[in-house]
N, C-alpha and C. Protein backbone atom coordinates (compact mmCIF):
# COMPACT_ATOMS: atom_id res chain seq x y z
N MET A 1 18.02 11.65 0.79
CA MET A 1 16.65 11.64 0.26
C MET A 1 15.67 11.59 1.42
N GLY A 2 14.76 12.55 1.52
CA GLY A 2 13.88 12.65 2.65
C GLY A 2 12.73 11.67 2.61
N PHE A 3 12.08 11.53 3.78
CA PHE A 3 10.98 10.59 3.90
C PHE A 3 9.76 11.01 3.09
N VAL A 4 9.59 12.30 2.82
CA VAL A 4 8.43 12.75 2.08
C VAL A 4 8.82 13.43 0.76
N SER A 5 10.06 13.21 0.31
CA SER A 5 10.48 13.77 -0.97
C SER A 5 9.90 12.93 -2.11
N ASP A 6 9.45 13.60 -3.17
CA ASP A 6 8.94 12.88 -4.34
C ASP A 6 9.98 11.88 -4.83
N THR A 7 9.54 10.67 -5.03
CA THR A 7 10.42 9.57 -5.39
C THR A 7 9.71 8.69 -6.41
N THR A 8 10.44 8.24 -7.41
CA THR A 8 9.93 7.25 -8.37
C THR A 8 10.68 5.95 -8.17
N LEU A 9 9.93 4.86 -8.03
CA LEU A 9 10.50 3.53 -7.84
C LEU A 9 10.07 2.66 -9.01
N SER A 10 11.03 2.09 -9.72
CA SER A 10 10.73 1.34 -10.94
C SER A 10 11.17 -0.11 -10.84
N GLY A 11 10.26 -1.02 -11.20
CA GLY A 11 10.58 -2.43 -11.28
C GLY A 11 10.50 -2.90 -12.72
N GLN A 12 10.42 -4.21 -12.92
CA GLN A 12 10.37 -4.76 -14.27
C GLN A 12 8.99 -4.62 -14.90
N THR A 13 7.94 -4.68 -14.07
CA THR A 13 6.59 -4.64 -14.64
C THR A 13 5.71 -3.58 -14.01
N VAL A 14 6.23 -2.82 -13.05
CA VAL A 14 5.43 -1.82 -12.34
C VAL A 14 6.32 -0.65 -11.95
N SER A 15 5.71 0.52 -11.89
CA SER A 15 6.40 1.72 -11.42
C SER A 15 5.54 2.43 -10.40
N LEU A 16 6.19 3.00 -9.40
CA LEU A 16 5.52 3.83 -8.40
C LEU A 16 6.00 5.25 -8.63
N VAL A 17 5.06 6.12 -8.96
CA VAL A 17 5.40 7.51 -9.28
C VAL A 17 4.66 8.43 -8.33
N PRO A 18 5.17 9.64 -8.12
CA PRO A 18 4.48 10.57 -7.24
C PRO A 18 3.03 10.79 -7.69
N LEU A 19 2.11 10.64 -6.75
CA LEU A 19 0.69 10.83 -7.05
C LEU A 19 0.43 12.26 -7.49
N ARG A 20 -0.38 12.41 -8.55
CA ARG A 20 -0.72 13.72 -9.07
C ARG A 20 -2.19 13.74 -9.48
N ALA A 21 -2.75 14.94 -9.60
CA ALA A 21 -4.13 15.08 -10.05
C ALA A 21 -4.32 14.50 -11.44
N ALA A 22 -3.25 14.47 -12.23
CA ALA A 22 -3.34 13.93 -13.59
C ALA A 22 -3.66 12.45 -13.62
N HIS A 23 -3.49 11.75 -12.50
CA HIS A 23 -3.81 10.31 -12.45
C HIS A 23 -5.30 10.07 -12.22
N HIS A 24 -6.07 11.12 -12.04
CA HIS A 24 -7.47 10.99 -11.63
C HIS A 24 -8.28 10.05 -12.51
N ASN A 25 -8.26 10.27 -13.82
CA ASN A 25 -9.14 9.50 -14.70
C ASN A 25 -8.77 8.02 -14.71
N ASP A 26 -7.48 7.70 -14.74
CA ASP A 26 -7.06 6.30 -14.68
C ASP A 26 -7.53 5.66 -13.38
N LEU A 27 -7.42 6.39 -12.28
CA LEU A 27 -7.78 5.84 -10.98
C LEU A 27 -9.29 5.65 -10.85
N VAL A 28 -10.07 6.55 -11.43
CA VAL A 28 -11.52 6.36 -11.45
C VAL A 28 -11.87 5.09 -12.22
N ASP A 29 -11.24 4.90 -13.36
CA ASP A 29 -11.46 3.68 -14.14
C ASP A 29 -11.05 2.46 -13.34
N ALA A 30 -9.94 2.57 -12.60
CA ALA A 30 -9.44 1.44 -11.83
C ALA A 30 -10.40 1.06 -10.71
N VAL A 31 -10.91 2.05 -9.99
CA VAL A 31 -11.77 1.74 -8.85
C VAL A 31 -13.12 1.18 -9.30
N ARG A 32 -13.52 1.50 -10.53
CA ARG A 32 -14.76 0.94 -11.06
C ARG A 32 -14.61 -0.54 -11.42
N ASP A 33 -13.38 -1.00 -11.60
CA ASP A 33 -13.13 -2.41 -11.89
C ASP A 33 -13.32 -3.20 -10.60
N GLY A 34 -14.52 -3.69 -10.39
CA GLY A 34 -14.85 -4.42 -9.17
C GLY A 34 -15.63 -3.60 -8.16
N GLU A 35 -15.95 -2.35 -8.52
CA GLU A 35 -16.69 -1.46 -7.60
C GLU A 35 -16.07 -1.52 -6.21
N LEU A 36 -14.80 -1.21 -6.14
CA LEU A 36 -14.02 -1.44 -4.93
C LEU A 36 -14.48 -0.61 -3.74
N TRP A 37 -15.07 0.54 -3.99
CA TRP A 37 -15.49 1.41 -2.89
C TRP A 37 -16.64 0.80 -2.08
N LYS A 38 -17.24 -0.27 -2.58
CA LYS A 38 -18.35 -0.91 -1.87
C LYS A 38 -17.88 -1.91 -0.82
N LEU A 39 -16.57 -2.20 -0.76
CA LEU A 39 -16.05 -3.14 0.23
C LEU A 39 -16.14 -2.50 1.61
N TRP A 40 -16.90 -3.11 2.51
CA TRP A 40 -17.20 -2.47 3.80
C TRP A 40 -16.03 -2.47 4.77
N TYR A 41 -15.06 -3.39 4.59
CA TYR A 41 -13.99 -3.57 5.57
C TYR A 41 -12.72 -2.80 5.22
N THR A 42 -12.78 -1.95 4.21
CA THR A 42 -11.62 -1.15 3.85
C THR A 42 -12.10 0.20 3.35
N ALA A 43 -11.19 1.15 3.21
CA ALA A 43 -11.55 2.51 2.80
C ALA A 43 -10.93 2.80 1.43
N ILE A 44 -11.75 2.67 0.39
CA ILE A 44 -11.30 2.91 -0.98
C ILE A 44 -12.20 3.99 -1.57
N PRO A 45 -11.63 5.02 -2.20
CA PRO A 45 -12.46 6.13 -2.68
C PRO A 45 -13.42 5.71 -3.78
N SER A 46 -14.57 6.35 -3.79
CA SER A 46 -15.53 6.16 -4.88
C SER A 46 -15.08 6.97 -6.08
N PRO A 47 -15.65 6.70 -7.26
CA PRO A 47 -15.30 7.53 -8.42
C PRO A 47 -15.53 9.01 -8.16
N GLU A 48 -16.64 9.32 -7.50
CA GLU A 48 -16.96 10.73 -7.23
C GLU A 48 -16.02 11.34 -6.19
N GLY A 49 -15.44 10.51 -5.34
CA GLY A 49 -14.56 11.00 -4.29
C GLY A 49 -13.09 10.94 -4.61
N MET A 50 -12.75 10.53 -5.84
CA MET A 50 -11.34 10.31 -6.16
C MET A 50 -10.52 11.60 -6.11
N ALA A 51 -11.05 12.68 -6.66
CA ALA A 51 -10.31 13.95 -6.66
C ALA A 51 -10.01 14.40 -5.24
N ALA A 52 -11.02 14.27 -4.36
CA ALA A 52 -10.82 14.67 -2.96
C ALA A 52 -9.80 13.78 -2.27
N GLU A 53 -9.79 12.50 -2.61
CA GLU A 53 -8.82 11.58 -1.99
C GLU A 53 -7.40 11.90 -2.45
N ILE A 54 -7.22 12.19 -3.73
CA ILE A 54 -5.89 12.59 -4.21
C ILE A 54 -5.44 13.85 -3.48
N GLU A 55 -6.34 14.82 -3.37
CA GLU A 55 -6.00 16.06 -2.68
C GLU A 55 -5.66 15.81 -1.22
N ARG A 56 -6.41 14.92 -0.56
CA ARG A 56 -6.14 14.60 0.85
C ARG A 56 -4.76 14.01 1.03
N ARG A 57 -4.40 13.08 0.16
CA ARG A 57 -3.08 12.46 0.28
C ARG A 57 -1.97 13.47 0.03
N LEU A 58 -2.17 14.36 -0.91
CA LEU A 58 -1.14 15.36 -1.19
C LEU A 58 -1.02 16.36 -0.04
N ARG A 59 -2.12 16.67 0.63
CA ARG A 59 -2.05 17.54 1.82
C ARG A 59 -1.26 16.86 2.93
N LEU A 60 -1.48 15.56 3.12
CA LEU A 60 -0.73 14.84 4.15
C LEU A 60 0.76 14.78 3.80
N GLN A 61 1.09 14.72 2.52
CA GLN A 61 2.49 14.78 2.13
C GLN A 61 3.08 16.14 2.53
N GLN A 62 2.36 17.20 2.25
CA GLN A 62 2.85 18.53 2.62
C GLN A 62 3.04 18.66 4.13
N ALA A 63 2.21 17.95 4.90
CA ALA A 63 2.32 18.00 6.35
C ALA A 63 3.43 17.09 6.87
N GLY A 64 4.01 16.25 5.99
CA GLY A 64 5.13 15.40 6.38
C GLY A 64 4.76 14.04 6.91
N SER A 65 3.48 13.64 6.80
CA SER A 65 3.07 12.37 7.38
C SER A 65 2.78 11.28 6.35
N MET A 66 2.85 11.60 5.06
CA MET A 66 2.54 10.62 4.02
C MET A 66 3.36 10.89 2.77
N LEU A 67 3.72 9.82 2.06
CA LEU A 67 4.32 9.93 0.74
C LEU A 67 3.48 9.06 -0.19
N PRO A 68 2.59 9.67 -0.99
CA PRO A 68 1.65 8.90 -1.82
C PRO A 68 2.19 8.62 -3.22
N PHE A 69 1.85 7.44 -3.72
CA PHE A 69 2.26 7.01 -5.06
C PHE A 69 1.03 6.60 -5.87
N ALA A 70 1.12 6.79 -7.17
CA ALA A 70 0.25 6.09 -8.12
C ALA A 70 1.00 4.85 -8.58
N VAL A 71 0.29 3.75 -8.69
CA VAL A 71 0.88 2.48 -9.15
C VAL A 71 0.59 2.34 -10.64
N LEU A 72 1.65 2.30 -11.45
CA LEU A 72 1.51 2.20 -12.90
C LEU A 72 1.88 0.81 -13.37
N ASP A 73 1.07 0.25 -14.27
CA ASP A 73 1.43 -1.04 -14.86
C ASP A 73 2.43 -0.84 -15.99
N ALA A 74 2.77 -1.91 -16.69
CA ALA A 74 3.81 -1.84 -17.71
C ALA A 74 3.45 -0.90 -18.86
N SER A 75 2.16 -0.64 -19.05
CA SER A 75 1.72 0.25 -20.13
C SER A 75 1.74 1.72 -19.71
N GLY A 76 2.01 1.97 -18.41
CA GLY A 76 2.00 3.34 -17.91
C GLY A 76 0.65 3.79 -17.40
N ARG A 77 -0.31 2.88 -17.31
CA ARG A 77 -1.64 3.20 -16.82
C ARG A 77 -1.67 3.08 -15.30
N ALA A 78 -2.29 4.06 -14.62
CA ALA A 78 -2.44 3.97 -13.16
C ALA A 78 -3.50 2.93 -12.82
N VAL A 79 -3.11 1.93 -12.03
CA VAL A 79 -4.02 0.83 -11.68
C VAL A 79 -4.31 0.80 -10.18
N GLY A 80 -3.81 1.77 -9.44
CA GLY A 80 -4.06 1.79 -8.01
C GLY A 80 -3.21 2.85 -7.33
N MET A 81 -3.27 2.81 -6.00
CA MET A 81 -2.55 3.77 -5.17
C MET A 81 -1.90 3.04 -4.00
N THR A 82 -0.81 3.61 -3.49
CA THR A 82 -0.19 3.11 -2.27
C THR A 82 0.55 4.27 -1.62
N THR A 83 0.96 4.09 -0.35
CA THR A 83 1.64 5.18 0.34
C THR A 83 2.61 4.65 1.38
N TYR A 84 3.58 5.50 1.72
CA TYR A 84 4.20 5.46 3.03
C TYR A 84 3.35 6.39 3.89
N MET A 85 2.92 5.93 5.05
CA MET A 85 2.06 6.75 5.89
C MET A 85 2.49 6.64 7.35
N HIS A 86 1.91 7.50 8.20
CA HIS A 86 2.31 7.55 9.60
C HIS A 86 3.84 7.61 9.70
N ILE A 87 4.42 8.47 8.91
CA ILE A 87 5.88 8.58 8.83
C ILE A 87 6.44 9.13 10.13
N ASP A 88 7.39 8.41 10.69
CA ASP A 88 8.10 8.84 11.89
C ASP A 88 9.58 8.92 11.53
N ALA A 89 9.99 10.07 10.97
CA ALA A 89 11.36 10.23 10.48
C ALA A 89 12.36 10.16 11.62
N THR A 90 11.99 10.67 12.79
CA THR A 90 12.92 10.67 13.93
C THR A 90 13.32 9.25 14.30
N ASN A 91 12.33 8.36 14.33
CA ASN A 91 12.59 6.96 14.70
C ASN A 91 12.74 6.05 13.49
N ARG A 92 12.74 6.63 12.30
CA ARG A 92 12.95 5.90 11.05
C ARG A 92 11.98 4.71 10.93
N ARG A 93 10.71 5.01 11.08
CA ARG A 93 9.66 4.03 10.92
C ARG A 93 8.62 4.56 9.94
N VAL A 94 8.08 3.67 9.12
CA VAL A 94 6.98 4.04 8.23
C VAL A 94 5.97 2.89 8.22
N GLU A 95 4.76 3.22 7.82
CA GLU A 95 3.75 2.21 7.53
C GLU A 95 3.50 2.22 6.03
N ILE A 96 3.40 1.05 5.43
CA ILE A 96 2.95 0.91 4.05
C ILE A 96 1.46 0.64 4.09
N GLY A 97 0.67 1.53 3.50
CA GLY A 97 -0.77 1.34 3.60
C GLY A 97 -1.56 2.22 2.65
N SER A 98 -2.87 2.29 2.90
CA SER A 98 -3.80 2.98 2.00
C SER A 98 -3.59 2.51 0.56
N THR A 99 -3.45 1.19 0.42
CA THR A 99 -3.14 0.57 -0.86
C THR A 99 -4.39 -0.10 -1.44
N TRP A 100 -4.60 0.11 -2.70
CA TRP A 100 -5.65 -0.64 -3.41
C TRP A 100 -5.27 -0.73 -4.89
N TYR A 101 -5.76 -1.78 -5.56
CA TYR A 101 -5.52 -2.00 -6.99
C TYR A 101 -6.83 -2.40 -7.66
N ARG A 102 -6.94 -2.08 -8.93
CA ARG A 102 -8.09 -2.54 -9.70
C ARG A 102 -8.18 -4.06 -9.63
N ARG A 103 -9.38 -4.58 -9.73
CA ARG A 103 -9.59 -6.02 -9.51
C ARG A 103 -8.78 -6.87 -10.50
N SER A 104 -8.65 -6.43 -11.74
CA SER A 104 -7.99 -7.26 -12.75
C SER A 104 -6.52 -7.51 -12.48
N VAL A 105 -5.88 -6.71 -11.60
CA VAL A 105 -4.47 -6.96 -11.29
C VAL A 105 -4.29 -7.52 -9.89
N GLN A 106 -5.38 -7.68 -9.14
CA GLN A 106 -5.27 -8.31 -7.83
C GLN A 106 -4.93 -9.79 -8.01
N ARG A 107 -4.25 -10.33 -7.01
CA ARG A 107 -3.81 -11.73 -7.02
C ARG A 107 -2.83 -12.02 -8.17
N THR A 108 -2.10 -10.99 -8.60
CA THR A 108 -1.02 -11.16 -9.56
C THR A 108 0.29 -10.79 -8.87
N ALA A 109 1.39 -10.89 -9.63
CA ALA A 109 2.69 -10.54 -9.07
C ALA A 109 2.85 -9.04 -8.87
N LEU A 110 1.91 -8.24 -9.34
CA LEU A 110 2.04 -6.78 -9.22
C LEU A 110 2.21 -6.36 -7.77
N ASN A 111 1.38 -6.87 -6.86
CA ASN A 111 1.48 -6.46 -5.46
C ASN A 111 2.82 -6.86 -4.86
N THR A 112 3.31 -8.04 -5.21
CA THR A 112 4.61 -8.48 -4.69
C THR A 112 5.70 -7.52 -5.12
N GLU A 113 5.67 -7.11 -6.40
CA GLU A 113 6.71 -6.20 -6.87
C GLU A 113 6.56 -4.82 -6.25
N VAL A 114 5.32 -4.36 -6.07
CA VAL A 114 5.11 -3.07 -5.40
C VAL A 114 5.71 -3.10 -4.00
N LYS A 115 5.41 -4.15 -3.24
CA LYS A 115 5.93 -4.24 -1.87
C LYS A 115 7.45 -4.40 -1.87
N ARG A 116 8.00 -5.11 -2.86
CA ARG A 116 9.47 -5.24 -2.94
C ARG A 116 10.11 -3.87 -3.14
N LEU A 117 9.52 -3.04 -3.99
CA LEU A 117 10.06 -1.71 -4.24
C LEU A 117 9.95 -0.84 -2.99
N LEU A 118 8.79 -0.86 -2.34
CA LEU A 118 8.58 -0.01 -1.17
C LEU A 118 9.47 -0.45 0.00
N LEU A 119 9.55 -1.74 0.24
CA LEU A 119 10.39 -2.23 1.33
C LEU A 119 11.87 -1.97 1.05
N GLY A 120 12.29 -2.19 -0.19
CA GLY A 120 13.68 -1.94 -0.54
C GLY A 120 14.06 -0.49 -0.31
N HIS A 121 13.20 0.43 -0.73
CA HIS A 121 13.49 1.85 -0.55
C HIS A 121 13.50 2.21 0.94
N ALA A 122 12.55 1.64 1.69
CA ALA A 122 12.47 1.95 3.11
C ALA A 122 13.71 1.48 3.87
N PHE A 123 14.12 0.25 3.62
CA PHE A 123 15.25 -0.30 4.38
C PHE A 123 16.61 0.10 3.79
N ASP A 124 16.73 0.06 2.46
CA ASP A 124 18.05 0.25 1.85
C ASP A 124 18.40 1.71 1.61
N THR A 125 17.40 2.57 1.39
CA THR A 125 17.66 3.98 1.12
C THR A 125 17.36 4.86 2.33
N LEU A 126 16.22 4.62 2.97
CA LEU A 126 15.82 5.45 4.10
C LEU A 126 16.34 4.92 5.43
N SER A 127 16.95 3.72 5.42
CA SER A 127 17.52 3.11 6.64
C SER A 127 16.49 2.97 7.75
N CYS A 128 15.28 2.56 7.39
CA CYS A 128 14.24 2.34 8.39
C CYS A 128 14.61 1.20 9.33
N ILE A 129 14.17 1.33 10.57
CA ILE A 129 14.39 0.24 11.52
C ILE A 129 13.21 -0.72 11.54
N ALA A 130 12.06 -0.27 11.02
CA ALA A 130 10.88 -1.14 10.95
C ALA A 130 9.89 -0.56 9.95
N VAL A 131 9.16 -1.45 9.29
CA VAL A 131 8.08 -1.07 8.39
C VAL A 131 6.84 -1.80 8.86
N GLU A 132 5.75 -1.04 8.99
CA GLU A 132 4.52 -1.56 9.56
C GLU A 132 3.44 -1.70 8.49
N PHE A 133 2.52 -2.62 8.73
CA PHE A 133 1.32 -2.82 7.90
C PHE A 133 0.14 -2.95 8.85
N ARG A 134 -0.99 -2.35 8.49
CA ARG A 134 -2.21 -2.48 9.28
C ARG A 134 -3.38 -2.83 8.36
N THR A 135 -4.26 -3.65 8.86
CA THR A 135 -5.43 -4.00 8.07
C THR A 135 -6.56 -4.45 8.99
N HIS A 136 -7.77 -4.44 8.45
CA HIS A 136 -8.96 -4.86 9.19
C HIS A 136 -8.89 -6.36 9.47
N TRP A 137 -9.34 -6.74 10.65
CA TRP A 137 -9.39 -8.15 11.03
C TRP A 137 -10.11 -8.99 9.98
N PHE A 138 -11.18 -8.44 9.38
CA PHE A 138 -11.98 -9.19 8.42
C PHE A 138 -11.46 -9.09 6.99
N ASN A 139 -10.39 -8.33 6.76
CA ASN A 139 -9.84 -8.23 5.41
C ASN A 139 -8.87 -9.39 5.19
N GLN A 140 -9.44 -10.57 4.98
CA GLN A 140 -8.62 -11.78 4.89
C GLN A 140 -7.65 -11.74 3.72
N GLN A 141 -8.07 -11.17 2.59
CA GLN A 141 -7.18 -11.10 1.43
C GLN A 141 -5.95 -10.26 1.77
N SER A 142 -6.16 -9.13 2.41
CA SER A 142 -5.04 -8.27 2.79
C SER A 142 -4.14 -8.96 3.81
N ARG A 143 -4.74 -9.61 4.79
CA ARG A 143 -3.93 -10.27 5.83
C ARG A 143 -3.07 -11.38 5.23
N ARG A 144 -3.64 -12.16 4.32
CA ARG A 144 -2.85 -13.23 3.70
C ARG A 144 -1.72 -12.65 2.87
N GLY A 145 -2.01 -11.54 2.16
CA GLY A 145 -0.98 -10.91 1.36
C GLY A 145 0.17 -10.38 2.21
N ILE A 146 -0.16 -9.76 3.34
CA ILE A 146 0.87 -9.23 4.24
C ILE A 146 1.71 -10.36 4.81
N GLU A 147 1.04 -11.45 5.20
CA GLU A 147 1.77 -12.58 5.77
C GLU A 147 2.66 -13.25 4.73
N ARG A 148 2.23 -13.26 3.46
CA ARG A 148 3.07 -13.85 2.41
C ARG A 148 4.35 -13.04 2.20
N LEU A 149 4.32 -11.77 2.53
CA LEU A 149 5.53 -10.96 2.41
C LEU A 149 6.60 -11.39 3.42
N GLY A 150 6.16 -11.98 4.51
CA GLY A 150 7.08 -12.33 5.59
C GLY A 150 6.91 -11.47 6.82
N ALA A 151 5.90 -10.58 6.83
CA ALA A 151 5.63 -9.75 8.00
C ALA A 151 5.06 -10.60 9.13
N LYS A 152 5.35 -10.18 10.35
CA LYS A 152 4.86 -10.90 11.53
C LYS A 152 3.79 -10.07 12.23
N LEU A 153 2.82 -10.77 12.80
CA LEU A 153 1.73 -10.10 13.51
C LEU A 153 2.23 -9.62 14.87
N ASP A 154 2.20 -8.29 15.07
CA ASP A 154 2.58 -7.71 16.36
C ASP A 154 1.44 -7.80 17.36
N GLY A 155 0.20 -7.69 16.85
CA GLY A 155 -0.94 -7.75 17.75
C GLY A 155 -2.19 -7.22 17.08
N VAL A 156 -3.29 -7.20 17.82
CA VAL A 156 -4.57 -6.73 17.31
C VAL A 156 -5.05 -5.60 18.21
N LEU A 157 -5.32 -4.44 17.59
CA LEU A 157 -5.89 -3.31 18.31
C LEU A 157 -7.42 -3.47 18.27
N ARG A 158 -7.99 -3.87 19.39
CA ARG A 158 -9.42 -4.16 19.43
C ARG A 158 -10.21 -2.86 19.63
N ASN A 159 -11.37 -2.78 18.94
CA ASN A 159 -12.17 -1.55 18.95
C ASN A 159 -11.30 -0.34 18.61
N HIS A 160 -10.50 -0.51 17.60
CA HIS A 160 -9.52 0.52 17.24
C HIS A 160 -10.17 1.73 16.59
N GLN A 161 -11.18 1.49 15.75
CA GLN A 161 -11.81 2.58 15.02
C GLN A 161 -13.29 2.28 14.82
N ILE A 162 -14.06 3.35 14.60
CA ILE A 162 -15.45 3.20 14.19
C ILE A 162 -15.47 3.19 12.67
N ASN A 163 -16.01 2.13 12.09
CA ASN A 163 -16.03 1.99 10.64
C ASN A 163 -17.07 2.94 10.04
N PRO A 164 -16.62 3.87 9.17
CA PRO A 164 -17.57 4.85 8.63
C PRO A 164 -18.35 4.37 7.41
N HIS A 165 -18.02 3.17 6.90
CA HIS A 165 -18.67 2.71 5.67
C HIS A 165 -20.17 2.53 5.90
N PRO A 166 -21.01 3.00 4.98
CA PRO A 166 -22.47 2.89 5.16
C PRO A 166 -22.95 1.47 5.42
N ASP A 167 -22.31 0.49 4.79
CA ASP A 167 -22.75 -0.89 4.98
C ASP A 167 -22.31 -1.48 6.31
N ALA A 168 -21.40 -0.79 7.01
CA ALA A 168 -20.92 -1.31 8.29
C ALA A 168 -21.79 -0.87 9.46
N GLN A 169 -22.64 0.13 9.24
CA GLN A 169 -23.59 0.60 10.26
C GLN A 169 -22.91 0.88 11.59
N GLY A 170 -21.79 1.60 11.54
CA GLY A 170 -21.10 1.99 12.77
C GLY A 170 -20.36 0.87 13.47
N ALA A 171 -20.10 -0.25 12.78
CA ALA A 171 -19.38 -1.36 13.40
C ALA A 171 -17.98 -0.91 13.81
N LEU A 172 -17.45 -1.55 14.84
CA LEU A 172 -16.13 -1.23 15.34
C LEU A 172 -15.09 -2.10 14.65
N ARG A 173 -13.97 -1.48 14.32
CA ARG A 173 -12.91 -2.17 13.59
C ARG A 173 -11.83 -2.65 14.55
N ASP A 174 -11.50 -3.95 14.45
CA ASP A 174 -10.30 -4.49 15.07
C ASP A 174 -9.20 -4.44 14.02
N THR A 175 -8.06 -3.83 14.37
CA THR A 175 -6.97 -3.62 13.43
C THR A 175 -5.82 -4.57 13.72
N CYS A 176 -5.43 -5.35 12.72
CA CYS A 176 -4.26 -6.22 12.82
C CYS A 176 -3.01 -5.42 12.46
N VAL A 177 -2.02 -5.45 13.34
CA VAL A 177 -0.77 -4.71 13.14
C VAL A 177 0.35 -5.71 12.87
N TYR A 178 0.98 -5.57 11.71
CA TYR A 178 2.11 -6.41 11.31
C TYR A 178 3.34 -5.54 11.14
N SER A 179 4.52 -6.17 11.17
CA SER A 179 5.73 -5.41 10.87
C SER A 179 6.83 -6.33 10.34
N ILE A 180 7.76 -5.69 9.64
CA ILE A 180 9.03 -6.29 9.26
C ILE A 180 10.10 -5.38 9.86
N ILE A 181 11.05 -5.94 10.59
CA ILE A 181 12.11 -5.13 11.19
C ILE A 181 13.39 -5.28 10.38
N ALA A 182 14.31 -4.36 10.59
CA ALA A 182 15.49 -4.26 9.73
C ALA A 182 16.29 -5.57 9.70
N SER A 183 16.42 -6.24 10.84
CA SER A 183 17.21 -7.47 10.87
C SER A 183 16.57 -8.59 10.06
N GLU A 184 15.26 -8.49 9.80
CA GLU A 184 14.56 -9.51 9.01
C GLU A 184 14.61 -9.21 7.52
N TRP A 185 14.97 -7.99 7.14
CA TRP A 185 14.88 -7.57 5.75
C TRP A 185 15.71 -8.44 4.80
N PRO A 186 16.95 -8.83 5.11
CA PRO A 186 17.68 -9.66 4.15
C PRO A 186 16.94 -10.95 3.78
N SER A 187 16.34 -11.61 4.75
CA SER A 187 15.60 -12.84 4.47
C SER A 187 14.32 -12.54 3.70
N VAL A 188 13.61 -11.47 4.08
CA VAL A 188 12.39 -11.10 3.37
C VAL A 188 12.71 -10.71 1.94
N ARG A 189 13.80 -9.97 1.74
CA ARG A 189 14.21 -9.57 0.39
C ARG A 189 14.50 -10.79 -0.47
N ALA A 190 15.24 -11.75 0.06
CA ALA A 190 15.54 -12.97 -0.70
C ALA A 190 14.25 -13.72 -1.05
N HIS A 191 13.32 -13.76 -0.10
CA HIS A 191 12.03 -14.44 -0.32
C HIS A 191 11.25 -13.76 -1.43
N LEU A 192 11.16 -12.43 -1.41
CA LEU A 192 10.41 -11.71 -2.43
C LEU A 192 11.08 -11.82 -3.79
N ASP A 193 12.40 -11.72 -3.82
CA ASP A 193 13.12 -11.85 -5.10
C ASP A 193 12.92 -13.24 -5.70
N PHE A 194 12.90 -14.25 -4.85
CA PHE A 194 12.66 -15.62 -5.34
C PHE A 194 11.26 -15.75 -5.90
N GLN A 195 10.26 -15.20 -5.20
CA GLN A 195 8.89 -15.25 -5.70
C GLN A 195 8.77 -14.56 -7.06
N LEU A 196 9.39 -13.41 -7.17
CA LEU A 196 9.29 -12.65 -8.43
C LEU A 196 10.03 -13.36 -9.57
N SER A 197 11.16 -13.99 -9.26
CA SER A 197 11.89 -14.71 -10.31
C SER A 197 11.11 -15.91 -10.80
N ARG A 198 10.41 -16.58 -9.93
CA ARG A 198 9.58 -17.72 -10.35
C ARG A 198 8.44 -17.25 -11.24
N THR A 199 7.85 -16.11 -10.88
CA THR A 199 6.75 -15.58 -11.68
C THR A 199 7.22 -15.23 -13.07
N ARG A 200 8.39 -14.61 -13.18
CA ARG A 200 8.91 -14.20 -14.49
C ARG A 200 9.28 -15.39 -15.33
N HIS A 201 9.81 -16.43 -14.70
CA HIS A 201 10.25 -17.61 -15.46
C HIS A 201 9.08 -18.42 -15.98
N THR A 202 7.91 -18.27 -15.32
CA THR A 202 6.75 -19.04 -15.76
C THR A 202 5.79 -18.21 -16.60
N ALA A 203 6.09 -16.92 -16.76
CA ALA A 203 5.19 -16.05 -17.50
C ALA A 203 5.28 -16.34 -19.00
């Protein structure tokens, strides 16, 4: 199974399916939940820009550098997007990123299960040697979520990018780089499975 081959990953309460134009309306509704495109420290498409963002991700898949998913909840509704990106098939490395969810499912077990599916596929099926995560220094919610997965901070790329968001007024982005390496995966997997089992038992 290739790094950019269409893949469906299914859990108990969430599914990751190949991103398609048909997900557009659900994703527009999702991004309006919390007006997520207004967050200055991350890049989330606006309702008007959703079609172009779907097309951009699919073009990157065709180029071999991204595998984009729509995130579906238990009802089959698309509630967000995620990807394998910066794919390095030769060195068996991927980054999990360009992820966002509608506000109503944030801070729930959905993200944990999404990451469990993506990490499991990366390490157990694609035999990755490392999986990377990147986020803005000021995106504290994202940083805490990545650290809860068990990822370790590799370092901070200072003045890594110019932030294009209108509210950032050309501010420079410091990017936090985290990773999980293959030797750490068994412990991370046990940790995530334990977290998910506790959530299900208390639901």
